[in-house]
Amino acid sequence: MAKPPMEITPELRRSSERKAILSSAIAAMGDITLVDSAVIILFAQMIGAGDMFSMLTTSLLPLFNGLCVIPMAWVAGRTGYQTLIVRVTSVALFAYLMIAASPFFGKGAVAMMLGMLVLFAVMSTGYVAAWFPMLDTFLLQERRTVFLGSMRFSWQLSSTLFLLSAGLFIGKNPPIEKLQIILLIGALCLLGRIFFISRIPVFKTEKKDTFGFADGLRTALANKPLAGYSVYLFVLNLAAYGTLPLSTLYLKNHLHAPDNLIVMISAMTLAGMLVGSLCAGKLITRFGIKNTFLGIHIAYAVINFSLFFIGKGNAFTYALITLLLIAYSFTFASASIASTSEMMALATPGNKAMAMAFCGTFYYTGSGLSRMISSLVLGSGMLASHWSIGSMELCRYQSLFLIYSVAIVFAAMFLVVVPAVFPKGEYIYDAH
């Protein structure tokens, strides 16, 4: 039964912020482990998935977020944000547990894992569709950047510590049972989301989403600044989102790094996001949104180009790759906070859920396609397994790093459609 709406007070605002942060920090340990860490890639390879299917596992969540977030936003508007989050998280928990159990299905293990990942991804889309509109019911405009930074700091800290612990636990050449234990613990972390979200009140809001599904979508499409910004996010993520999982495959299959080291590097990558979350607000305030976005493109391109030149696996190169990935994730965190803040600011009042879902469709579809296309390229054999420039020997993973760096430079051309970078005419900008 849906909760009756409550009148909001300053105390309830802060209480809701704390519960939202706690739900994010606990559940993120499970989310990150399953969809955006070295653990799921190593697990996939252990049950017989090759490079293509291993990288595909990391593309399903963002891809289905992009495909399903708009219809899920409509569902969220009808069922209530908190109600939808609790329901879809319950189904996602079941899918997560089945993924951990997939090795017991023998020859069908890979199919079971991918099928349950799809189910998990679709359910997680409901969470994404309801999350930001729910925040908008109690989060003040002037608190957005501070709250988003604190929230990301919290979930990135918890995820970093969890993955570091996982790396210490599994050892250099772990049996699959140890990875199953990590996934089981990750699945149970979703209970934290259910517990805390169900305790956030449903508030009476002055600005309700007054549009139906069709009208809401038309209104989002007519919001030219939001539409232009959405296209930019699609192109940027299409170019930049494949680097981190590709680095895991590169470390595992070409540089032959130990499994526990790969998981720890994955944890240190999250540590870079953690620091980025702390610094992003200050960086944006100091340099402005235009210079921030330019800096993001430069950092993304330089780091991918640097990874292209690393061809040997030893202590020095492992440390260098770790530093580069920390810098990449720092940049990614800064981009994420800037993107989310702009998305919330450009959303039309009265159409928040649909506007943010519309923007999220482009954001997540670009992210998912980046990894899916990369996985298909790896599986197709269209890139030479070995080639050389002078005396430098290169592999197909390095070829992709080079392609990413060129694509990121190309994506910078789309900054012309970002209102915060090149404002054109009058438009609604709901920010403090």
Protein backbone atom coordinates (compact mmCIF):
# COMPACT_ATOMS: atom_id res chain seq x y z
CA MET A 1 0.00 0.00 0.00
CA ALA A 2 1.39 3.40 -0.97
CA LYS A 3 2.39 5.80 1.80
CA PRO A 4 0.25 8.94 2.22
CA PRO A 5 2.19 12.09 1.29
CA MET A 6 3.72 14.04 4.19
CA GLU A 7 4.44 17.72 4.69
CA ILE A 8 8.19 18.25 4.45
CA THR A 9 10.27 19.85 7.19
CA PRO A 10 14.00 20.71 7.37
CA GLU A 11 14.53 17.78 9.75
CA LEU A 12 12.81 15.36 7.36
CA ARG A 13 14.88 16.73 4.46
CA ARG A 14 18.16 15.98 6.23
CA SER A 15 16.88 12.62 7.49
CA SER A 16 15.89 11.65 3.95
CA GLU A 17 19.29 12.73 2.64
CA ARG A 18 21.02 10.48 5.19
CA LYS A 19 18.82 7.50 4.33
CA ALA A 20 19.39 8.01 0.61
CA ILE A 21 23.16 8.13 1.15
CA LEU A 22 23.12 5.00 3.34
CA SER A 23 21.02 3.10 0.80
CA SER A 24 23.46 4.08 -1.92
CA ALA A 25 26.59 3.24 0.09
CA ILE A 26 25.44 -0.25 1.08
CA ALA A 27 23.84 -1.33 -2.20
CA ALA A 28 26.74 0.03 -4.27
CA MET A 29 29.03 -2.69 -2.90
CA GLY A 30 26.80 -5.19 -4.68
CA ASP A 31 26.12 -3.14 -7.80
CA ILE A 32 29.78 -2.32 -8.47
CA THR A 33 30.92 -5.88 -7.86
CA LEU A 34 28.43 -7.28 -10.35
CA VAL A 35 28.47 -4.79 -13.19
CA ASP A 36 31.54 -2.57 -13.04
CA SER A 37 34.48 -4.37 -11.42
CA ALA A 38 37.09 -6.96 -12.27
CA VAL A 39 35.20 -9.56 -10.23
CA ILE A 40 32.42 -10.21 -12.75
CA ILE A 41 34.89 -10.32 -15.66
CA LEU A 42 37.10 -12.87 -13.86
CA PHE A 43 33.99 -14.85 -12.85
CA ALA A 44 32.71 -14.86 -16.45
CA GLN A 45 36.03 -16.13 -17.78
CA MET A 46 36.14 -18.88 -15.14
CA ILE A 47 32.79 -20.30 -16.27
CA GLY A 48 33.85 -20.33 -19.92
CA ALA A 49 33.06 -16.89 -21.35
CA GLY A 50 35.63 -15.45 -23.77
CA ASP A 51 36.68 -11.81 -24.15
CA MET A 52 33.51 -10.87 -26.01
CA PHE A 53 31.06 -12.24 -23.43
CA SER A 54 33.24 -11.13 -20.50
CA MET A 55 33.14 -7.50 -21.63
CA LEU A 56 29.49 -7.88 -22.62
CA THR A 57 28.63 -8.50 -18.97
CA THR A 58 29.69 -4.93 -18.16
CA SER A 59 27.59 -3.43 -20.98
CA LEU A 60 24.18 -4.88 -20.10
CA LEU A 61 23.32 -2.61 -17.18
CA PRO A 62 23.97 0.74 -18.90
CA LEU A 63 22.50 -0.53 -22.18
CA PHE A 64 19.20 -1.63 -20.64
CA ASN A 65 19.12 1.53 -18.56
CA GLY A 66 19.15 3.43 -21.83
CA LEU A 67 16.52 1.24 -23.48
CA CYS A 68 14.08 0.97 -20.57
CA VAL A 69 14.47 4.10 -18.47
CA ILE A 70 11.69 6.07 -20.23
CA PRO A 71 8.96 3.41 -19.80
CA MET A 72 10.22 2.82 -16.25
CA ALA A 73 9.88 6.56 -15.58
CA TRP A 74 6.21 6.26 -16.58
CA VAL A 75 5.82 3.30 -14.21
CA ALA A 76 7.55 5.29 -11.45
CA GLY A 77 5.09 8.13 -11.88
CA ARG A 78 2.17 5.73 -11.44
CA THR A 79 3.47 3.53 -8.61
CA GLY A 80 5.53 6.03 -6.63
CA TYR A 81 9.30 6.38 -6.58
CA GLN A 82 10.03 4.59 -3.31
CA THR A 83 7.57 1.80 -4.06
CA LEU A 84 9.10 1.08 -7.46
CA ILE A 85 12.67 1.08 -6.07
CA VAL A 86 11.78 -1.46 -3.38
CA ARG A 87 9.95 -3.75 -5.82
CA VAL A 88 12.56 -3.80 -8.57
CA THR A 89 15.41 -4.20 -6.07
CA SER A 90 13.71 -7.30 -4.67
CA VAL A 91 13.64 -8.90 -8.13
CA ALA A 92 17.22 -7.74 -8.80
CA LEU A 93 18.31 -9.48 -5.61
CA PHE A 94 16.89 -12.77 -6.90
CA ALA A 95 18.69 -12.32 -10.24
CA TYR A 96 21.96 -11.56 -8.44
CA LEU A 97 21.71 -14.74 -6.37
CA MET A 98 21.09 -16.78 -9.53
CA ILE A 99 24.20 -15.28 -11.15
CA ALA A 100 26.26 -16.40 -8.16
CA ALA A 101 24.75 -19.88 -8.56
CA SER A 102 25.27 -20.05 -12.35
CA PRO A 103 28.34 -22.41 -12.20
CA PHE A 104 25.99 -25.11 -10.88
CA PHE A 105 24.22 -25.11 -14.29
CA GLY A 106 27.18 -26.76 -16.04
CA LYS A 107 27.20 -26.09 -19.78
CA GLY A 108 24.38 -23.63 -19.37
CA ALA A 109 26.35 -21.51 -16.87
CA VAL A 110 27.21 -18.69 -19.28
CA ALA A 111 23.64 -18.54 -20.63
CA MET A 112 22.23 -18.47 -17.09
CA MET A 113 24.64 -15.72 -16.06
CA LEU A 114 23.81 -13.55 -19.09
CA GLY A 115 20.05 -14.14 -18.73
CA MET A 116 20.08 -13.16 -15.07
CA LEU A 117 22.29 -10.16 -15.84
CA VAL A 118 19.63 -8.98 -18.31
CA LEU A 119 16.93 -9.39 -15.64
CA PHE A 120 19.10 -7.55 -13.12
CA ALA A 121 19.75 -4.77 -15.63
CA VAL A 122 16.05 -4.29 -16.46
CA MET A 123 15.15 -4.13 -12.75
CA SER A 124 18.00 -1.73 -12.03
CA THR A 125 16.54 0.56 -14.68
CA GLY A 126 13.50 1.02 -12.46
CA TYR A 127 15.83 2.19 -9.70
CA VAL A 128 17.59 4.63 -12.03
CA ALA A 129 14.27 6.00 -13.34
CA ALA A 130 12.91 6.64 -9.85
CA TRP A 131 16.10 7.69 -8.03
CA PHE A 132 16.64 11.28 -9.21
CA PRO A 133 12.94 12.24 -9.25
CA MET A 134 12.71 10.86 -5.69
CA LEU A 135 15.68 13.01 -4.66
CA ASP A 136 13.97 16.01 -6.20
CA THR A 137 11.06 15.65 -3.75
CA PHE A 138 13.25 16.56 -0.77
CA LEU A 139 16.61 17.82 -2.07
CA LEU A 140 16.92 21.60 -2.23
CA GLN A 141 18.56 23.21 -5.27
CA GLU A 142 21.41 24.66 -3.22
CA ARG A 143 22.11 21.22 -1.72
CA ARG A 144 22.42 19.35 -5.03
CA THR A 145 26.16 19.52 -5.63
CA VAL A 146 27.03 18.95 -1.96
CA PHE A 147 24.63 16.02 -1.66
CA LEU A 148 25.70 14.38 -4.93
CA GLY A 149 29.35 14.69 -3.92
CA SER A 150 28.69 13.25 -0.45
CA MET A 151 26.60 10.42 -1.88
CA ARG A 152 29.24 9.45 -4.42
CA PHE A 153 31.98 9.70 -1.80
CA SER A 154 30.04 7.33 0.45
CA TRP A 155 29.30 4.65 -2.13
CA GLN A 156 32.73 4.84 -3.68
CA LEU A 157 34.41 4.51 -0.26
CA SER A 158 32.31 1.48 0.68
CA SER A 159 32.85 -0.11 -2.74
CA THR A 160 36.60 0.55 -2.65
CA LEU A 161 36.97 -1.07 0.77
CA PHE A 162 34.79 -3.99 -0.31
CA LEU A 163 36.82 -4.68 -3.46
CA LEU A 164 40.14 -4.31 -1.60
CA SER A 165 38.90 -6.87 0.91
CA ALA A 166 37.77 -9.11 -1.95
CA GLY A 167 41.23 -8.89 -3.55
CA LEU A 168 42.90 -9.91 -0.29
CA PHE A 169 40.40 -12.74 0.15
CA ILE A 170 40.62 -14.43 -3.25
CA GLY A 171 44.43 -14.68 -3.65
CA LYS A 172 46.46 -14.87 -6.87
CA ASN A 173 44.70 -17.84 -8.49
CA PRO A 174 41.33 -18.19 -6.75
CA PRO A 175 38.92 -21.11 -7.09
CA ILE A 176 35.54 -20.15 -8.45
CA GLU A 177 33.94 -20.77 -5.04
CA LYS A 178 35.72 -17.70 -3.64
CA LEU A 179 34.29 -15.50 -6.36
CA GLN A 180 30.84 -16.97 -5.68
CA ILE A 181 31.18 -15.96 -2.02
CA ILE A 182 32.04 -12.39 -3.06
CA LEU A 183 28.99 -12.30 -5.36
CA LEU A 184 26.74 -13.73 -2.63
CA ILE A 185 27.81 -11.01 -0.20
CA GLY A 186 27.30 -8.43 -2.95
CA ALA A 187 23.77 -9.70 -3.55
CA LEU A 188 22.86 -9.39 0.12
CA CYS A 189 24.04 -5.76 0.09
CA LEU A 190 20.93 -4.92 -1.97
CA LEU A 191 18.91 -5.48 1.20
CA GLY A 192 20.38 -2.18 2.42
CA ARG A 193 18.69 -0.33 -0.45
CA ILE A 194 15.34 -1.94 0.32
CA PHE A 195 15.64 -1.15 4.04
CA PHE A 196 16.55 2.54 3.80
CA ILE A 197 14.51 3.54 0.73
CA SER A 198 11.36 2.06 2.27
CA ARG A 199 11.90 4.41 5.23
CA ILE A 200 12.06 7.63 3.21
CA PRO A 201 8.68 9.40 3.46
CA VAL A 202 6.63 10.28 0.42
CA PHE A 203 6.44 14.06 0.46
CA LYS A 204 3.88 16.49 -0.85
CA THR A 205 5.67 18.54 -3.47
CA GLU A 206 4.85 21.92 -4.94
CA LYS A 207 6.06 20.87 -8.39
CA LYS A 208 4.43 17.62 -9.36
CA ASP A 209 4.93 15.87 -12.65
CA THR A 210 1.75 17.03 -14.36
CA PHE A 211 2.34 15.51 -17.80
CA GLY A 212 1.20 12.11 -19.03
CA PHE A 213 3.61 9.73 -20.72
CA ALA A 214 3.14 11.01 -24.29
CA ASP A 215 2.93 14.67 -23.29
CA GLY A 216 5.91 14.27 -20.99
CA LEU A 217 8.01 12.76 -23.77
CA ARG A 218 6.95 15.50 -26.21
CA THR A 219 7.82 18.14 -23.62
CA ALA A 220 11.28 16.59 -23.10
CA LEU A 221 11.86 16.49 -26.86
CA ALA A 222 10.80 20.12 -27.15
CA ASN A 223 13.32 21.12 -24.48
CA LYS A 224 16.12 21.91 -26.95
CA PRO A 225 18.85 22.59 -24.36
CA LEU A 226 18.12 19.25 -22.68
CA ALA A 227 17.98 17.44 -26.04
CA GLY A 228 21.30 18.91 -27.15
CA TYR A 229 22.91 18.05 -23.84
CA SER A 230 21.57 14.49 -24.08
CA VAL A 231 23.14 14.00 -27.51
CA TYR A 232 26.47 15.24 -26.17
CA LEU A 233 26.35 12.79 -23.24
CA PHE A 234 25.59 9.92 -25.65
CA VAL A 235 28.61 10.69 -27.85
CA LEU A 236 30.97 11.28 -24.91
CA ASN A 237 30.05 8.03 -23.15
CA LEU A 238 30.15 6.10 -26.43
CA ALA A 239 33.77 7.18 -26.76
CA ALA A 240 34.90 6.94 -23.14
CA TYR A 241 32.96 4.24 -21.28
CA GLY A 242 34.79 1.14 -22.47
CA THR A 243 38.22 1.96 -21.06
CA LEU A 244 37.90 0.51 -17.55
CA PRO A 245 36.59 -3.00 -18.41
CA LEU A 246 38.98 -3.18 -21.37
CA SER A 247 41.84 -2.47 -18.93
CA THR A 248 40.77 -5.49 -16.87
CA LEU A 249 40.89 -7.79 -19.91
CA TYR A 250 44.22 -6.28 -20.93
CA LEU A 251 45.72 -6.90 -17.50
CA LYS A 252 44.35 -10.45 -17.35
CA ASN A 253 44.93 -11.78 -20.86
CA HIS A 254 47.88 -9.81 -22.24
CA LEU A 255 49.90 -8.55 -19.28
CA HIS A 256 49.07 -11.70 -17.20
CA ALA A 257 48.59 -9.87 -13.90
CA PRO A 258 47.52 -11.99 -10.87
CA ASP A 259 43.77 -12.09 -10.24
CA ASN A 260 43.96 -10.53 -6.79
CA LEU A 261 46.08 -7.67 -8.17
CA ILE A 262 43.48 -7.04 -10.88
CA VAL A 263 40.70 -6.82 -8.28
CA MET A 264 42.82 -4.49 -6.14
CA ILE A 265 43.51 -2.27 -9.16
CA SER A 266 39.75 -2.22 -9.70
CA ALA A 267 39.37 -1.07 -6.08
CA MET A 268 41.99 1.65 -6.50
CA THR A 269 40.11 2.81 -9.58
CA LEU A 270 37.10 3.36 -7.34
CA ALA A 271 39.36 5.25 -4.95
CA GLY A 272 40.04 7.67 -7.80
CA MET A 273 36.28 8.17 -8.16
CA LEU A 274 36.08 8.76 -4.44
CA VAL A 275 38.64 11.57 -4.58
CA GLY A 276 36.96 12.94 -7.70
CA SER A 277 33.64 13.10 -5.86
CA LEU A 278 35.25 15.15 -3.11
CA CYS A 279 36.94 17.56 -5.51
CA ALA A 280 34.39 17.84 -8.34
CA GLY A 281 32.27 20.54 -6.75
CA LYS A 282 35.31 22.71 -6.01
CA LEU A 283 36.74 22.15 -9.49
CA ILE A 284 33.47 23.12 -11.17
CA THR A 285 33.14 26.18 -8.95
CA ARG A 286 36.72 27.29 -9.58
CA PHE A 287 37.08 26.60 -13.30
CA GLY A 288 33.45 26.80 -14.45
CA ILE A 289 31.43 24.14 -16.25
CA LYS A 290 32.87 24.98 -19.68
CA ASN A 291 36.50 24.51 -18.66
CA THR A 292 35.54 21.44 -16.62
CA PHE A 293 34.08 19.72 -19.68
CA LEU A 294 37.12 20.65 -21.78
CA GLY A 295 39.40 19.25 -19.10
CA ILE A 296 37.39 16.02 -19.03
CA HIS A 297 37.96 15.48 -22.76
CA ILE A 298 41.67 16.21 -22.49
CA ALA A 299 42.14 13.84 -19.53
CA TYR A 300 40.12 11.01 -21.15
CA ALA A 301 42.08 11.26 -24.41
CA VAL A 302 45.54 11.54 -22.82
CA ILE A 303 44.97 8.57 -20.49
CA ASN A 304 43.72 6.27 -23.27
CA PHE A 305 46.64 7.33 -25.45
CA SER A 306 49.04 6.58 -22.58
CA LEU A 307 47.54 3.10 -22.08
CA PHE A 308 48.13 2.47 -25.78
CA PHE A 309 51.90 2.64 -25.20
CA ILE A 310 52.07 0.17 -22.29
CA GLY A 311 52.98 -3.25 -23.68
CA LYS A 312 54.84 -5.12 -20.92
CA GLY A 313 53.56 -6.61 -17.69
CA ASN A 314 55.80 -5.97 -14.68
CA ALA A 315 55.68 -4.19 -11.31
CA PHE A 316 56.40 -0.80 -12.87
CA THR A 317 53.75 -1.04 -15.59
CA TYR A 318 51.16 -2.41 -13.15
CA ALA A 319 51.78 0.65 -10.94
CA LEU A 320 51.64 2.97 -13.97
CA ILE A 321 48.36 1.47 -15.19
CA THR A 322 46.93 1.81 -11.67
CA LEU A 323 47.83 5.52 -11.58
CA LEU A 324 46.36 6.08 -15.04
CA LEU A 325 43.12 4.33 -14.11
CA ILE A 326 42.89 6.29 -10.86
CA ALA A 327 43.21 9.49 -12.90
CA TYR A 328 40.61 8.19 -15.37
CA SER A 329 38.12 7.40 -12.63
CA PHE A 330 38.80 10.79 -10.99
CA THR A 331 37.86 12.37 -14.31
CA PHE A 332 34.84 10.10 -14.63
CA ALA A 333 33.56 11.12 -11.18
CA SER A 334 33.95 14.80 -12.04
CA ALA A 335 32.10 14.24 -15.33
CA SER A 336 29.34 12.34 -13.56
CA ILE A 337 28.68 15.05 -10.99
CA ALA A 338 28.78 17.81 -13.61
CA SER A 339 26.47 15.80 -15.89
CA THR A 340 23.94 14.96 -13.18
CA SER A 341 23.80 18.51 -11.88
CA GLU A 342 23.24 19.86 -15.41
CA MET A 343 20.62 17.21 -16.13
CA MET A 344 18.63 18.13 -13.03
CA ALA A 345 18.98 21.84 -13.81
CA LEU A 346 17.77 21.53 -17.41
CA ALA A 347 14.77 19.31 -16.60
CA THR A 348 11.45 21.10 -17.17
CA PRO A 349 9.53 21.76 -13.92
CA GLY A 350 6.44 19.59 -13.84
CA ASN A 351 8.15 17.02 -16.08
CA LYS A 352 11.15 16.08 -13.97
CA ALA A 353 10.85 12.30 -14.15
CA MET A 354 10.40 12.15 -17.91
CA ALA A 355 13.01 14.82 -18.62
CA MET A 356 15.66 13.07 -16.54
CA ALA A 357 14.69 9.71 -18.01
CA PHE A 358 14.98 11.18 -21.50
CA CYS A 359 18.48 12.49 -20.75
CA GLY A 360 19.36 9.23 -18.99
CA THR A 361 18.34 7.26 -22.08
CA PHE A 362 21.08 8.94 -24.10
CA TYR A 363 23.60 8.79 -21.26
CA TYR A 364 23.20 5.08 -20.55
CA THR A 365 22.70 3.97 -24.14
CA GLY A 366 26.01 5.58 -25.07
CA SER A 367 27.65 3.87 -22.10
CA GLY A 368 26.24 0.45 -22.90
CA LEU A 369 26.95 0.67 -26.62
CA SER A 370 30.55 1.68 -25.89
CA ARG A 371 31.16 -1.59 -24.10
CA MET A 372 28.93 -3.71 -26.35
CA ILE A 373 30.59 -2.48 -29.54
CA SER A 374 34.00 -3.06 -27.94
CA SER A 375 33.02 -6.61 -27.00
CA LEU A 376 31.78 -7.31 -30.53
CA VAL A 377 34.98 -5.90 -32.01
CA LEU A 378 37.05 -8.14 -29.73
CA GLY A 379 34.93 -11.18 -30.58
CA SER A 380 34.89 -10.55 -34.33
CA GLY A 381 38.65 -10.72 -34.76
CA MET A 382 38.61 -7.58 -36.91
CA LEU A 383 41.55 -6.16 -34.96
CA ALA A 384 44.96 -7.75 -35.48
CA SER A 385 46.02 -9.77 -32.44
CA HIS A 386 49.59 -8.52 -32.95
CA TRP A 387 51.03 -5.64 -34.93
CA SER A 388 53.94 -3.25 -34.62
CA ILE A 389 55.06 0.36 -34.99
CA GLY A 390 58.81 0.27 -35.52
CA SER A 391 60.20 -1.82 -32.68
CA MET A 392 57.05 -1.50 -30.53
CA GLU A 393 54.86 -4.63 -30.46
CA LEU A 394 51.14 -3.96 -30.03
CA CYS A 395 47.98 -6.02 -29.47
CA ARG A 396 44.26 -5.63 -30.14
CA TYR A 397 43.58 -4.20 -26.67
CA GLN A 398 46.07 -1.40 -27.35
CA SER A 399 44.37 -0.79 -30.69
CA LEU A 400 41.10 -0.15 -28.86
CA PHE A 401 42.77 2.29 -26.46
CA LEU A 402 43.98 4.23 -29.48
CA ILE A 403 40.50 4.19 -31.04
CA TYR A 404 39.01 5.45 -27.76
CA SER A 405 41.44 8.38 -27.59
CA VAL A 406 40.60 9.48 -31.15
CA ALA A 407 36.86 9.10 -30.50
CA ILE A 408 37.06 11.25 -27.36
CA VAL A 409 38.72 14.06 -29.30
CA PHE A 410 35.96 13.78 -31.90
CA ALA A 411 33.29 13.89 -29.17
CA ALA A 412 34.61 17.30 -28.06
CA MET A 413 33.03 18.73 -31.22
CA PHE A 414 29.61 18.11 -29.64
CA LEU A 415 30.34 20.58 -26.84
CA VAL A 416 28.73 23.17 -29.12
CA VAL A 417 25.29 21.74 -28.19
CA VAL A 418 25.90 21.90 -24.43
CA PRO A 419 24.06 24.96 -23.04
CA ALA A 420 26.49 25.43 -20.13
CA VAL A 421 29.40 25.63 -22.59
CA PHE A 422 27.79 27.56 -25.47
CA PRO A 423 24.51 29.09 -24.21
CA LYS A 424 22.07 30.03 -26.97
CA GLY A 425 18.87 31.98 -26.40
CA GLU A 426 16.54 31.73 -23.41
CA TYR A 427 16.06 28.45 -21.61
CA ILE A 428 14.97 27.15 -18.20
CA TYR A 429 17.90 26.51 -15.88
CA ASP A 430 16.67 25.36 -12.47
CA ALA A 431 19.91 25.66 -10.49
CA HIS A 432 21.08 27.68 -7.48
